[in-house]
N, C-alpha and C. Protein backbone atom coordinates (compact mmCIF):
# COMPACT_ATOMS: atom_id res chain seq x y z
N MET A 1 34.05 -8.62 -3.11
CA MET A 1 35.19 -9.05 -4.06
C MET A 1 34.84 -9.45 -5.40
N GLY A 2 35.23 -8.54 -6.23
CA GLY A 2 34.86 -8.56 -7.87
C GLY A 2 35.57 -9.52 -8.47
N ILE A 3 35.34 -9.95 -9.80
CA ILE A 3 35.74 -10.72 -10.34
C ILE A 3 36.80 -9.88 -11.64
N ASP A 4 37.70 -9.92 -11.80
CA ASP A 4 38.81 -9.30 -13.28
C ASP A 4 37.89 -9.83 -14.07
N VAL A 5 37.35 -9.20 -15.19
CA VAL A 5 36.45 -9.58 -16.09
C VAL A 5 37.79 -9.60 -17.32
N THR A 6 37.84 -10.19 -18.14
CA THR A 6 38.54 -9.92 -19.45
C THR A 6 37.96 -10.29 -20.34
N ALA A 7 36.63 -10.59 -19.90
CA ALA A 7 35.57 -10.73 -21.10
C ALA A 7 34.92 -9.87 -21.92
N ASP A 8 34.54 -9.60 -22.77
CA ASP A 8 33.96 -8.59 -23.89
C ASP A 8 32.87 -8.32 -23.02
N SER A 9 32.69 -6.89 -22.77
CA SER A 9 31.46 -6.20 -21.94
C SER A 9 30.20 -6.64 -22.80
N ALA A 10 30.25 -6.62 -24.02
CA ALA A 10 29.23 -6.74 -24.54
C ALA A 10 28.57 -8.46 -24.12
N LEU A 11 29.37 -9.04 -24.28
CA LEU A 11 28.88 -10.31 -23.83
C LEU A 11 28.47 -10.44 -22.32
N VAL A 12 29.28 -9.68 -21.59
CA VAL A 12 28.65 -9.60 -20.08
C VAL A 12 27.39 -8.94 -19.77
N GLU A 13 27.27 -7.87 -20.93
CA GLU A 13 25.55 -7.61 -21.08
C GLU A 13 24.62 -8.52 -21.42
N ARG A 14 25.08 -9.03 -22.62
CA ARG A 14 23.88 -10.32 -23.14
C ARG A 14 23.73 -11.38 -22.03
N ILE A 15 24.53 -11.81 -21.02
CA ILE A 15 24.36 -12.69 -20.61
C ILE A 15 23.87 -12.32 -19.16
N ASP A 16 24.05 -10.68 -18.32
CA ASP A 16 23.12 -10.11 -17.55
C ASP A 16 21.70 -10.13 -17.80
N ARG A 17 21.65 -9.99 -19.18
CA ARG A 17 20.17 -9.81 -19.75
C ARG A 17 19.23 -10.92 -19.45
N LEU A 18 20.05 -12.03 -19.61
CA LEU A 18 19.12 -13.61 -19.64
C LEU A 18 19.28 -14.09 -18.02
N LEU A 19 19.64 -13.20 -17.40
CA LEU A 19 19.66 -13.59 -15.99
C LEU A 19 18.30 -12.78 -15.26
N PRO A 20 17.86 -13.62 -13.98
CA PRO A 20 16.24 -12.97 -13.79
C PRO A 20 16.42 -11.70 -12.98
N GLN A 21 18.05 -11.42 -12.48
CA GLN A 21 17.87 -10.04 -12.12
C GLN A 21 17.41 -10.06 -10.34
N THR A 22 17.12 -11.38 -9.96
CA THR A 22 16.59 -11.57 -8.37
C THR A 22 17.42 -11.12 -7.57
N GLN A 23 19.05 -10.92 -7.84
CA GLN A 23 19.79 -10.38 -6.84
C GLN A 23 19.93 -11.52 -5.47
N CYS A 24 19.41 -12.39 -5.75
CA CYS A 24 19.09 -13.41 -4.71
C CYS A 24 20.49 -14.23 -4.04
N ARG A 25 21.51 -14.07 -4.71
CA ARG A 25 22.75 -15.04 -4.53
C ARG A 25 23.05 -16.51 -4.17
N GLN A 26 21.83 -16.94 -4.81
CA GLN A 26 21.81 -17.95 -4.65
C GLN A 26 22.58 -19.13 -5.75
N CYS A 27 23.16 -18.02 -6.66
CA CYS A 27 24.57 -18.68 -7.12
C CYS A 27 25.79 -18.80 -6.76
N GLY A 28 25.98 -17.95 -5.99
CA GLY A 28 26.92 -18.20 -4.78
C GLY A 28 28.15 -16.63 -5.30
N PHE A 29 27.15 -15.80 -5.80
CA PHE A 29 27.79 -14.53 -6.25
C PHE A 29 27.08 -13.36 -5.50
N ASP A 30 27.48 -11.99 -5.66
CA ASP A 30 26.77 -11.05 -4.66
C ASP A 30 25.65 -10.49 -5.86
N GLY A 31 25.37 -11.02 -6.71
CA GLY A 31 24.07 -10.66 -7.60
C GLY A 31 24.43 -11.28 -9.19
N CYS A 32 23.33 -10.87 -9.79
CA CYS A 32 23.21 -11.27 -11.05
C CYS A 32 24.54 -10.92 -12.16
N ARG A 33 24.96 -9.53 -11.84
CA ARG A 33 25.76 -9.13 -12.61
C ARG A 33 27.53 -9.50 -12.46
N PRO A 34 27.39 -10.08 -11.31
CA PRO A 34 28.97 -10.74 -10.59
C PRO A 34 29.20 -11.88 -11.33
N TYR A 35 27.89 -12.91 -11.37
CA TYR A 35 27.52 -13.83 -11.66
C TYR A 35 27.56 -13.64 -13.64
N ALA A 36 27.38 -12.95 -14.02
CA ALA A 36 27.21 -12.99 -15.47
C ALA A 36 28.76 -12.14 -15.71
N GLU A 37 29.58 -11.89 -15.07
CA GLU A 37 31.23 -11.74 -15.14
C GLU A 37 31.81 -12.99 -15.34
N ALA A 38 31.75 -13.86 -14.64
CA ALA A 38 32.14 -14.77 -14.17
C ALA A 38 31.72 -15.86 -14.84
N LEU A 39 30.49 -15.66 -15.74
CA LEU A 39 30.31 -16.42 -16.78
C LEU A 39 31.49 -16.22 -18.30
N ALA A 40 31.16 -15.01 -18.26
CA ALA A 40 31.95 -14.65 -19.65
C ALA A 40 33.31 -14.93 -19.37
N ALA A 41 34.00 -14.70 -18.18
CA ALA A 41 35.05 -14.95 -18.17
C ALA A 41 35.49 -16.72 -18.13
N GLY A 42 34.37 -17.56 -18.17
CA GLY A 42 34.64 -18.74 -18.18
C GLY A 42 35.15 -19.49 -16.79
N GLU A 43 34.76 -18.70 -15.26
CA GLU A 43 34.93 -18.62 -14.14
C GLU A 43 33.80 -19.22 -13.27
N ALA A 44 32.58 -19.84 -14.37
CA ALA A 44 31.64 -20.30 -13.33
C ALA A 44 30.70 -21.28 -14.18
N ASP A 45 29.94 -22.24 -14.06
CA ASP A 45 28.94 -22.88 -14.95
C ASP A 45 27.93 -22.27 -14.98
N ILE A 46 27.06 -22.51 -16.02
CA ILE A 46 25.49 -22.23 -16.62
C ILE A 46 24.65 -22.98 -15.42
N ASP A 47 24.90 -23.32 -14.48
CA ASP A 47 23.95 -23.85 -13.98
C ASP A 47 23.60 -23.82 -12.97
N ARG A 48 24.04 -22.34 -12.13
CA ARG A 48 24.04 -22.33 -10.87
C ARG A 48 23.00 -21.12 -10.27
N CYS A 49 21.77 -20.83 -11.02
CA CYS A 49 20.67 -19.61 -11.24
C CYS A 49 19.12 -20.51 -11.03
N PRO A 50 18.95 -20.92 -9.27
CA PRO A 50 17.77 -21.61 -9.40
C PRO A 50 16.45 -20.35 -9.98
N PRO A 51 16.66 -19.15 -9.79
CA PRO A 51 15.25 -18.40 -10.43
C PRO A 51 15.45 -18.63 -11.62
N GLY A 52 16.61 -18.83 -12.66
CA GLY A 52 16.57 -18.92 -14.02
C GLY A 52 15.78 -20.02 -14.29
N GLY A 53 16.18 -21.38 -13.28
CA GLY A 53 15.57 -22.75 -13.88
C GLY A 53 16.05 -23.45 -15.06
N ASP A 54 15.97 -24.51 -15.33
CA ASP A 54 16.23 -25.27 -16.39
C ASP A 54 15.87 -24.19 -17.72
N ALA A 55 15.10 -23.41 -17.91
CA ALA A 55 15.23 -22.74 -19.47
C ALA A 55 16.47 -21.55 -19.01
N GLY A 56 16.56 -21.00 -18.28
CA GLY A 56 17.34 -19.99 -17.81
C GLY A 56 18.72 -20.82 -18.12
N ALA A 57 19.13 -22.06 -17.44
CA ALA A 57 20.51 -22.82 -18.11
C ALA A 57 20.54 -23.04 -19.45
N ARG A 58 19.70 -23.68 -19.93
CA ARG A 58 19.66 -23.46 -21.38
C ARG A 58 20.15 -22.36 -22.09
N ALA A 59 19.69 -21.26 -21.90
CA ALA A 59 19.51 -20.13 -22.76
C ALA A 59 21.05 -19.63 -22.62
N LEU A 60 22.03 -19.47 -21.03
CA LEU A 60 22.89 -19.42 -21.04
C LEU A 60 23.98 -20.18 -21.97
N ALA A 61 23.64 -21.48 -21.62
CA ALA A 61 24.00 -22.50 -22.99
C ALA A 61 24.05 -22.28 -24.17
N ARG A 62 23.31 -21.90 -24.81
CA ARG A 62 22.75 -21.77 -26.24
C ARG A 62 23.97 -20.05 -26.46
N LEU A 63 23.96 -19.10 -25.50
CA LEU A 63 24.61 -17.91 -25.74
C LEU A 63 26.26 -18.49 -25.81
N LEU A 64 26.71 -19.30 -24.82
CA LEU A 64 27.97 -19.17 -24.18
C LEU A 64 28.72 -20.32 -25.25
N GLY A 65 27.86 -21.30 -26.34
CA GLY A 65 27.68 -22.16 -26.72
C GLY A 65 28.31 -23.32 -25.91
N ARG A 66 28.03 -23.68 -25.01
CA ARG A 66 28.14 -24.81 -24.34
C ARG A 66 27.06 -25.90 -24.12
N ASP A 67 27.45 -26.96 -23.67
CA ASP A 67 26.52 -27.94 -23.33
C ASP A 67 25.34 -27.62 -22.39
N ALA A 68 24.11 -28.06 -22.28
CA ALA A 68 23.01 -27.78 -21.49
C ALA A 68 23.11 -28.21 -20.53
N LEU A 69 22.82 -27.88 -19.69
CA LEU A 69 22.73 -28.39 -17.83
C LEU A 69 21.78 -28.09 -17.67
N PRO A 70 20.94 -28.75 -16.76
CA PRO A 70 19.94 -28.80 -15.55
C PRO A 70 20.20 -28.08 -14.41
N TYR A 71 19.65 -26.92 -14.18
CA TYR A 71 20.25 -25.69 -12.93
C TYR A 71 20.42 -26.99 -11.75
N ASP A 72 21.09 -26.36 -11.35
CA ASP A 72 21.64 -27.46 -10.22
C ASP A 72 20.92 -27.27 -8.86
N ARG A 73 19.91 -28.40 -8.45
CA ARG A 73 19.05 -28.14 -7.72
C ARG A 73 19.47 -28.23 -6.16
N THR A 74 20.76 -28.20 -5.87
CA THR A 74 21.30 -27.83 -4.45
C THR A 74 21.46 -26.43 -3.94
N ARG A 75 21.32 -25.89 -4.98
CA ARG A 75 21.23 -24.10 -4.71
C ARG A 75 20.38 -23.81 -4.50
N GLY A 76 19.31 -24.32 -4.59
CA GLY A 76 17.28 -23.88 -4.40
C GLY A 76 16.56 -24.54 -5.21
N THR A 77 15.57 -23.95 -5.29
CA THR A 77 14.11 -24.58 -5.57
C THR A 77 13.53 -23.27 -6.78
N TYR A 78 13.34 -24.08 -8.17
CA TYR A 78 12.88 -22.93 -9.17
C TYR A 78 11.39 -22.84 -8.70
N ARG A 79 10.95 -21.47 -8.34
CA ARG A 79 9.71 -21.31 -8.41
C ARG A 79 8.93 -20.07 -9.13
N PRO A 80 7.76 -20.31 -9.91
CA PRO A 80 7.50 -19.02 -10.56
C PRO A 80 7.73 -17.70 -10.28
N PRO A 81 7.79 -16.19 -10.55
CA PRO A 81 8.25 -14.97 -9.62
C PRO A 81 7.01 -14.84 -8.67
N GLU A 82 8.26 -14.29 -7.61
CA GLU A 82 7.22 -14.32 -6.45
C GLU A 82 7.64 -12.72 -6.15
N ILE A 83 6.65 -11.89 -5.40
CA ILE A 83 7.28 -11.14 -4.46
C ILE A 83 7.07 -10.97 -3.27
N ALA A 84 7.90 -10.57 -2.32
CA ALA A 84 7.21 -10.12 -0.92
C ALA A 84 6.22 -9.22 -0.45
N LEU A 85 5.63 -9.82 0.62
CA LEU A 85 4.71 -8.58 0.97
C LEU A 85 4.27 -9.00 2.27
N ILE A 86 4.63 -7.44 2.87
CA ILE A 86 4.66 -7.30 4.57
C ILE A 86 3.08 -7.04 5.15
N VAL A 87 3.13 -8.23 6.05
CA VAL A 87 1.88 -8.50 7.09
C VAL A 87 1.93 -6.89 7.75
N GLU A 88 1.27 -5.83 7.24
CA GLU A 88 1.91 -4.76 7.94
C GLU A 88 1.33 -4.56 9.52
N ALA A 89 0.21 -5.25 9.83
CA ALA A 89 -0.19 -5.34 11.12
C ALA A 89 0.62 -5.99 12.22
N ASP A 90 1.47 -7.16 11.59
CA ASP A 90 2.62 -7.60 12.56
C ASP A 90 4.01 -6.91 12.36
N CYS A 91 4.20 -5.87 11.70
CA CYS A 91 5.81 -5.19 11.59
C CYS A 91 5.69 -4.90 12.52
N ILE A 92 7.18 -4.80 13.39
CA ILE A 92 7.50 -4.01 14.63
C ILE A 92 8.33 -2.82 14.12
N GLY A 93 8.62 -2.65 12.60
CA GLY A 93 9.53 -1.71 12.41
C GLY A 93 11.15 -1.74 13.00
N CYS A 94 11.66 -2.58 12.71
CA CYS A 94 12.76 -3.32 13.09
C CYS A 94 14.19 -2.76 11.98
N THR A 95 13.32 -2.75 10.81
CA THR A 95 14.26 -2.22 9.78
C THR A 95 15.15 -3.30 9.06
N LYS A 96 15.28 -4.59 9.92
CA LYS A 96 16.12 -5.86 9.47
C LYS A 96 15.81 -6.14 7.64
N CYS A 97 14.31 -6.05 7.38
CA CYS A 97 14.10 -6.25 5.97
C CYS A 97 14.69 -5.08 5.06
N ILE A 98 14.75 -4.11 5.35
CA ILE A 98 15.05 -3.07 4.86
C ILE A 98 16.43 -3.28 4.45
N GLN A 99 17.65 -3.78 5.69
CA GLN A 99 19.05 -4.01 5.21
C GLN A 99 19.19 -5.11 4.53
N ALA A 100 18.19 -6.06 4.61
CA ALA A 100 18.73 -7.28 3.92
C ALA A 100 18.31 -7.27 2.26
N CYS A 101 17.29 -6.04 1.78
CA CYS A 101 16.57 -6.23 0.41
C CYS A 101 18.17 -5.44 -0.57
N PRO A 102 18.37 -6.76 -1.01
CA PRO A 102 19.51 -6.04 -1.98
C PRO A 102 18.89 -4.85 -3.45
N VAL A 103 17.78 -4.65 -3.19
CA VAL A 103 17.06 -3.67 -4.29
C VAL A 103 16.57 -2.67 -4.31
N ASP A 104 16.54 -2.57 -2.65
CA ASP A 104 16.31 -1.33 -1.96
C ASP A 104 14.29 -1.03 -1.98
N ALA A 105 13.78 -2.21 -2.35
CA ALA A 105 12.73 -2.43 -2.77
C ALA A 105 11.53 -2.22 -1.20
N ILE A 106 12.09 -2.26 -0.33
CA ILE A 106 11.31 -2.05 1.40
C ILE A 106 11.94 -0.57 1.77
N VAL A 107 10.35 -0.05 2.08
CA VAL A 107 10.35 1.39 2.69
C VAL A 107 10.15 1.25 4.06
N GLY A 108 10.17 2.38 4.81
CA GLY A 108 9.84 2.28 6.30
C GLY A 108 10.82 2.84 7.22
N GLY A 109 10.35 3.53 8.56
CA GLY A 109 11.14 3.95 9.26
C GLY A 109 11.45 2.78 10.30
N ALA A 110 12.52 3.17 11.24
CA ALA A 110 12.66 2.90 12.64
C ALA A 110 11.11 2.72 13.28
N LYS A 111 10.64 1.90 14.27
CA LYS A 111 9.90 1.49 15.00
C LYS A 111 8.39 1.94 14.18
N ARG A 112 8.54 2.31 12.73
CA ARG A 112 7.17 2.38 12.00
C ARG A 112 7.34 1.04 11.11
N MET A 113 5.80 0.96 10.54
CA MET A 113 5.62 -0.29 9.61
C MET A 113 6.31 -0.17 8.50
N HIS A 114 6.67 -1.16 7.65
CA HIS A 114 7.54 -1.15 6.34
C HIS A 114 6.20 -1.97 5.24
N THR A 115 6.64 -1.40 4.36
CA THR A 115 5.97 -1.68 2.87
C THR A 115 6.66 -2.13 1.97
N VAL A 116 6.65 -2.99 1.20
CA VAL A 116 6.96 -3.59 0.09
C VAL A 116 6.77 -2.61 -1.18
N ILE A 117 8.03 -1.88 -2.13
CA ILE A 117 7.20 -1.32 -3.36
C ILE A 117 7.51 -2.20 -4.59
N GLU A 118 6.31 -2.63 -4.85
CA GLU A 118 5.81 -4.11 -5.83
C GLU A 118 6.92 -4.18 -6.80
N PRO A 119 6.69 -2.98 -7.61
CA PRO A 119 7.38 -2.80 -9.27
C PRO A 119 8.92 -3.24 -8.57
N LEU A 120 9.30 -3.04 -7.99
CA LEU A 120 10.73 -2.89 -7.23
C LEU A 120 11.26 -4.50 -6.88
N CYS A 121 10.18 -5.28 -6.28
CA CYS A 121 11.07 -6.03 -5.31
C CYS A 121 11.32 -7.23 -6.26
N THR A 122 12.15 -8.01 -6.27
CA THR A 122 12.60 -9.01 -7.41
C THR A 122 12.35 -10.24 -6.85
N GLY A 123 11.84 -10.65 -5.68
CA GLY A 123 11.12 -12.22 -4.92
C GLY A 123 12.75 -12.73 -4.54
N CYS A 124 13.64 -12.00 -4.18
CA CYS A 124 15.09 -12.98 -3.53
C CYS A 124 14.65 -13.53 -2.22
N GLU A 125 13.83 -13.20 -1.86
CA GLU A 125 13.15 -14.03 -0.79
C GLU A 125 14.51 -13.51 0.72
N LEU A 126 15.62 -12.54 0.71
CA LEU A 126 16.54 -12.31 1.41
C LEU A 126 15.84 -11.46 2.63
N CYS A 127 14.68 -11.05 2.67
CA CYS A 127 14.27 -10.53 3.78
C CYS A 127 13.45 -11.21 4.35
N VAL A 128 12.77 -12.38 3.84
CA VAL A 128 12.37 -13.22 4.88
C VAL A 128 13.21 -13.76 6.25
N PRO A 129 13.85 -14.42 6.23
CA PRO A 129 14.93 -14.88 7.04
C PRO A 129 15.53 -13.72 8.14
N ALA A 130 15.38 -12.53 7.63
CA ALA A 130 15.79 -11.38 8.08
C ALA A 130 14.71 -11.13 9.51
N CYS A 131 13.57 -10.99 9.19
CA CYS A 131 12.39 -10.62 9.79
C CYS A 131 12.28 -11.46 10.87
N PRO A 132 12.20 -10.76 12.26
CA PRO A 132 12.19 -11.31 13.56
C PRO A 132 10.73 -11.97 13.76
N VAL A 133 10.21 -11.26 13.40
CA VAL A 133 8.36 -11.72 13.55
C VAL A 133 7.69 -12.22 12.59
N ASP A 134 8.36 -12.72 11.57
CA ASP A 134 7.91 -13.73 10.53
C ASP A 134 6.46 -13.07 9.91
N CYS A 135 6.83 -12.02 9.48
CA CYS A 135 5.56 -10.99 9.17
C CYS A 135 6.00 -10.97 7.48
N ILE A 136 6.50 -11.33 6.85
CA ILE A 136 7.11 -11.44 5.23
C ILE A 136 6.27 -12.61 4.72
N ASP A 137 5.36 -12.74 3.70
CA ASP A 137 5.24 -13.60 2.96
C ASP A 137 5.45 -13.53 1.56
N MET A 138 5.82 -14.74 0.79
CA MET A 138 6.14 -14.27 -0.31
C MET A 138 4.58 -15.04 -1.46
N VAL A 139 4.50 -13.83 -2.35
CA VAL A 139 3.21 -14.24 -3.09
C VAL A 139 3.90 -14.10 -4.53
N PRO A 140 2.74 -14.98 -5.01
CA PRO A 140 2.82 -14.73 -6.73
C PRO A 140 2.93 -13.16 -6.99
N ALA A 141 3.67 -13.08 -7.90
CA ALA A 141 3.98 -11.61 -8.58
C ALA A 141 2.47 -11.73 -9.72
N GLY A 142 2.61 -10.34 -10.10
CA GLY A 142 1.22 -10.27 -10.96
C GLY A 142 0.09 -9.18 -10.14
N PRO A 143 -0.63 -9.18 -10.63
CA PRO A 143 -2.39 -8.51 -10.16
C PRO A 143 -2.91 -9.03 -9.09
N GLU A 144 -2.46 -10.47 -8.73
CA GLU A 144 -3.14 -11.02 -7.81
C GLU A 144 -2.36 -11.16 -6.26
N SER A 145 -1.23 -10.25 -6.65
CA SER A 145 -0.16 -9.60 -4.96
C SER A 145 -1.03 -8.40 -4.67
N GLN A 146 -1.91 -7.73 -5.34
CA GLN A 146 -2.14 -6.77 -4.88
C GLN A 146 -3.19 -7.01 -4.01
N VAL A 147 -3.64 -8.00 -3.69
CA VAL A 147 -4.90 -8.52 -2.95
C VAL A 147 -4.15 -8.73 -1.79
N ARG A 148 -4.93 -8.06 -0.46
CA ARG A 148 -4.56 -8.02 0.89
C ARG A 148 -5.36 -7.47 1.97
């Protein structure tokens, strides 16, 4: 269900660029773009993005000329950027993580081991609860994520 945006598309673009692009849905929308559209249309508040944290909420407030608010902690916890890492030896190839990934960062076939394409992973964590064998760990994004 999309939002009917009458707001300036350039404003939507500017808002979307400020959002972390995790597509985690913690804001209550189906991704960062729908949240940006709702913000531009005045249908959502600036405090709904845990991955953006307080700094993200302040940046949105500045852009939109609204009062700054801390992000709504009831929606989730801010953490530094992470990526998913599949413990390959434990993967049963069920494909549930692939189905849960909103950015297609997980590849593999049915009954075969899966892996995460690290540059594509946004750290949304939607794959973690989908995994029936608990073989997905969230690790800090960056060079240290390559170790395993």
